Amino acid sequence: MSQNQDRIIKDFDFRALGAEIKRARNEMKMTRDELAEAMSVSSSHLANIENKGTHPGFMLFIKLIKYLNISADEFIFQNPGPVKGIKLQVLTLVEECESTDLYTVRGVLQGIQESKQQENEQRVVRRRAGRRRTDGDR
């Protein structure tokens, strides 16, 4: 393996991947032994991936993310930024909501957007008023 490949693997956050694998497995109500059997690996290897950040081989990585329906983006792309991470967290929470809760979530988000729009409109009005005063002073 080249030095560049070593650096990429060293910089990769396998603990976060392991935690996500464990979360997804628990969400599917699977035991570690069941997932290990489905992936054709030992339960202890899977435990090391989940708890110690041991990196899986490429093929196992692909099998795990496909089987558990995990998005690989946040683990592959370095420094996706805090906003992307927050969006993923919000989307995860939304997916767990009951349909009646989604109406509340939508209302809150619409309220935030409407408030921002009103603030922007007020800012434009204040700027125009400020320009009129400046033009009148000339």
Protein backbone atom coordinates (compact mmCIF):
# COMPACT_ATOMS: atom_id res chain seq x y z
CA MET A 1 0.00 0.00 0.00
CA SER A 2 1.34 3.48 -0.86
CA GLN A 3 2.01 6.19 1.72
CA ASN A 4 -0.93 8.18 0.34
CA GLN A 5 -3.26 5.20 0.78
CA ASP A 6 -1.94 4.67 4.31
CA ARG A 7 -2.66 8.34 5.11
CA ILE A 8 -6.20 8.11 3.72
CA ILE A 9 -6.96 5.03 5.82
CA LYS A 10 -5.32 6.63 8.88
CA ASP A 11 -7.45 9.80 8.45
CA PHE A 12 -10.68 7.86 7.90
CA ASP A 13 -12.97 7.75 10.93
CA PHE A 14 -13.73 4.07 11.28
CA ARG A 15 -15.18 4.52 14.80
CA ALA A 16 -18.03 6.61 13.36
CA LEU A 17 -18.63 3.95 10.71
CA GLY A 18 -18.66 1.24 13.38
CA ALA A 19 -21.13 3.20 15.50
CA GLU A 20 -23.40 3.66 12.48
CA ILE A 21 -23.22 -0.04 11.65
CA LYS A 22 -24.18 -0.87 15.22
CA ARG A 23 -27.03 1.68 15.21
CA ALA A 24 -28.42 0.36 11.92
CA ARG A 25 -28.10 -3.25 13.06
CA ASN A 26 -29.95 -2.49 16.30
CA GLU A 27 -32.61 -0.58 14.37
CA MET A 28 -33.15 -3.71 12.27
CA LYS A 29 -33.40 -5.66 15.54
CA MET A 30 -30.57 -7.96 14.48
CA THR A 31 -28.06 -9.51 16.80
CA ARG A 32 -24.37 -9.13 16.05
CA ASP A 33 -24.21 -12.88 15.43
CA GLU A 34 -27.01 -12.67 12.84
CA LEU A 35 -25.33 -9.84 10.95
CA ALA A 36 -21.94 -11.55 11.15
CA GLU A 37 -23.44 -14.69 9.66
CA ALA A 38 -25.13 -12.70 6.88
CA MET A 39 -21.78 -11.02 6.10
CA SER A 40 -19.80 -14.29 6.38
CA VAL A 41 -17.48 -12.89 9.06
CA SER A 42 -16.91 -13.75 12.69
CA SER A 43 -18.95 -12.05 15.38
CA SER A 44 -15.74 -10.90 17.07
CA HIS A 45 -14.57 -9.19 13.86
CA LEU A 46 -17.90 -7.39 13.59
CA ALA A 47 -17.68 -6.40 17.27
CA ASN A 48 -14.23 -4.89 16.62
CA ILE A 49 -15.59 -2.93 13.67
CA GLU A 50 -18.55 -1.65 15.71
CA ASN A 51 -16.76 -0.89 18.95
CA LYS A 52 -13.06 -0.37 18.25
CA GLY A 53 -13.02 1.25 14.84
CA THR A 54 -11.35 -1.69 13.13
CA HIS A 55 -11.64 -1.03 9.43
CA PRO A 56 -13.44 -3.62 7.35
CA GLY A 57 -12.05 -4.71 4.03
CA PHE A 58 -13.51 -2.98 0.99
CA MET A 59 -15.90 -5.80 0.03
CA LEU A 60 -17.16 -6.12 3.60
CA PHE A 61 -17.62 -2.34 3.74
CA ILE A 62 -19.75 -2.47 0.58
CA LYS A 63 -21.76 -5.45 1.84
CA LEU A 64 -22.42 -3.76 5.21
CA ILE A 65 -23.56 -0.41 3.83
CA LYS A 66 -25.81 -2.06 1.25
CA TYR A 67 -27.28 -4.59 3.67
CA LEU A 68 -27.88 -1.99 6.40
CA ASN A 69 -28.87 0.78 3.98
CA ILE A 70 -26.19 3.17 5.27
CA SER A 71 -25.09 6.19 3.25
CA ALA A 72 -21.36 5.98 2.69
CA ASP A 73 -20.98 9.69 1.83
CA GLU A 74 -20.45 10.91 5.36
CA PHE A 75 -17.73 8.32 5.90
CA ILE A 76 -15.97 8.59 2.55
CA PHE A 77 -15.89 12.34 1.97
CA GLN A 78 -13.55 14.04 4.36
CA ASN A 79 -14.82 17.05 6.27
CA PRO A 80 -18.34 17.14 4.82
CA GLY A 81 -18.96 20.12 7.05
CA PRO A 82 -21.11 20.50 10.09
CA VAL A 83 -24.19 21.49 8.11
CA LYS A 84 -24.25 18.28 6.11
CA GLY A 85 -23.91 16.27 9.32
CA ILE A 86 -26.76 18.16 10.92
CA LYS A 87 -28.94 17.68 7.85
CA LEU A 88 -28.30 13.94 7.98
CA GLN A 89 -29.21 13.90 11.68
CA VAL A 90 -32.42 15.83 11.00
CA LEU A 91 -33.34 13.52 8.14
CA THR A 92 -32.74 10.50 10.35
CA LEU A 93 -35.03 11.98 13.01
CA VAL A 94 -37.69 12.79 10.41
CA GLU A 95 -37.60 9.22 9.13
CA GLU A 96 -38.36 8.02 12.65
CA CYS A 97 -41.39 10.32 13.05
CA GLU A 98 -44.93 9.08 12.84
CA SER A 99 -47.01 10.60 10.07
CA THR A 100 -48.90 12.87 12.47
CA ASP A 101 -45.59 14.24 13.77
CA LEU A 102 -44.52 15.10 10.24
CA TYR A 103 -47.25 17.76 10.04
CA THR A 104 -45.77 19.45 13.09
CA VAL A 105 -42.25 19.23 11.70
CA ARG A 106 -43.43 20.68 8.38
CA GLY A 107 -45.23 23.52 10.18
CA VAL A 108 -42.14 24.39 12.21
CA LEU A 109 -39.93 24.42 9.12
CA GLN A 110 -42.45 26.50 7.17
CA GLY A 111 -42.62 28.94 10.08
CA ILE A 112 -38.84 29.29 10.08
CA GLN A 113 -38.80 29.90 6.32
CA GLU A 114 -41.61 32.47 6.51
CA SER A 115 -39.84 34.28 9.34
CA LYS A 116 -36.61 34.43 7.31
CA GLN A 117 -38.49 35.70 4.28
CA GLN A 118 -40.11 38.48 6.35
CA GLU A 119 -36.73 39.44 7.81
CA ASN A 120 -35.22 39.62 4.32
CA GLU A 121 -38.11 41.73 3.05
CA GLN A 122 -37.74 44.11 6.01
CA ARG A 123 -34.00 44.37 5.38
CA VAL A 124 -34.65 45.31 1.73
CA VAL A 125 -37.17 47.97 2.79
CA ARG A 126 -34.68 49.44 5.30
CA ARG A 127 -31.92 49.51 2.68
CA ARG A 128 -34.19 51.28 0.18
CA ALA A 129 -35.25 53.77 2.83
CA GLY A 130 -31.59 54.39 3.72
CA ARG A 131 -30.72 54.99 0.05
CA ARG A 132 -33.59 57.46 -0.33
CA ARG A 133 -32.31 59.44 2.64
CA THR A 134 -28.76 59.39 1.30
CA ASP A 135 -29.96 60.45 -2.16
CA GLY A 136 -32.04 63.23 -0.62
CA ASP A 137 -29.03 64.56 1.31
CA ARG A 138 -27.04 65.16 -1.89
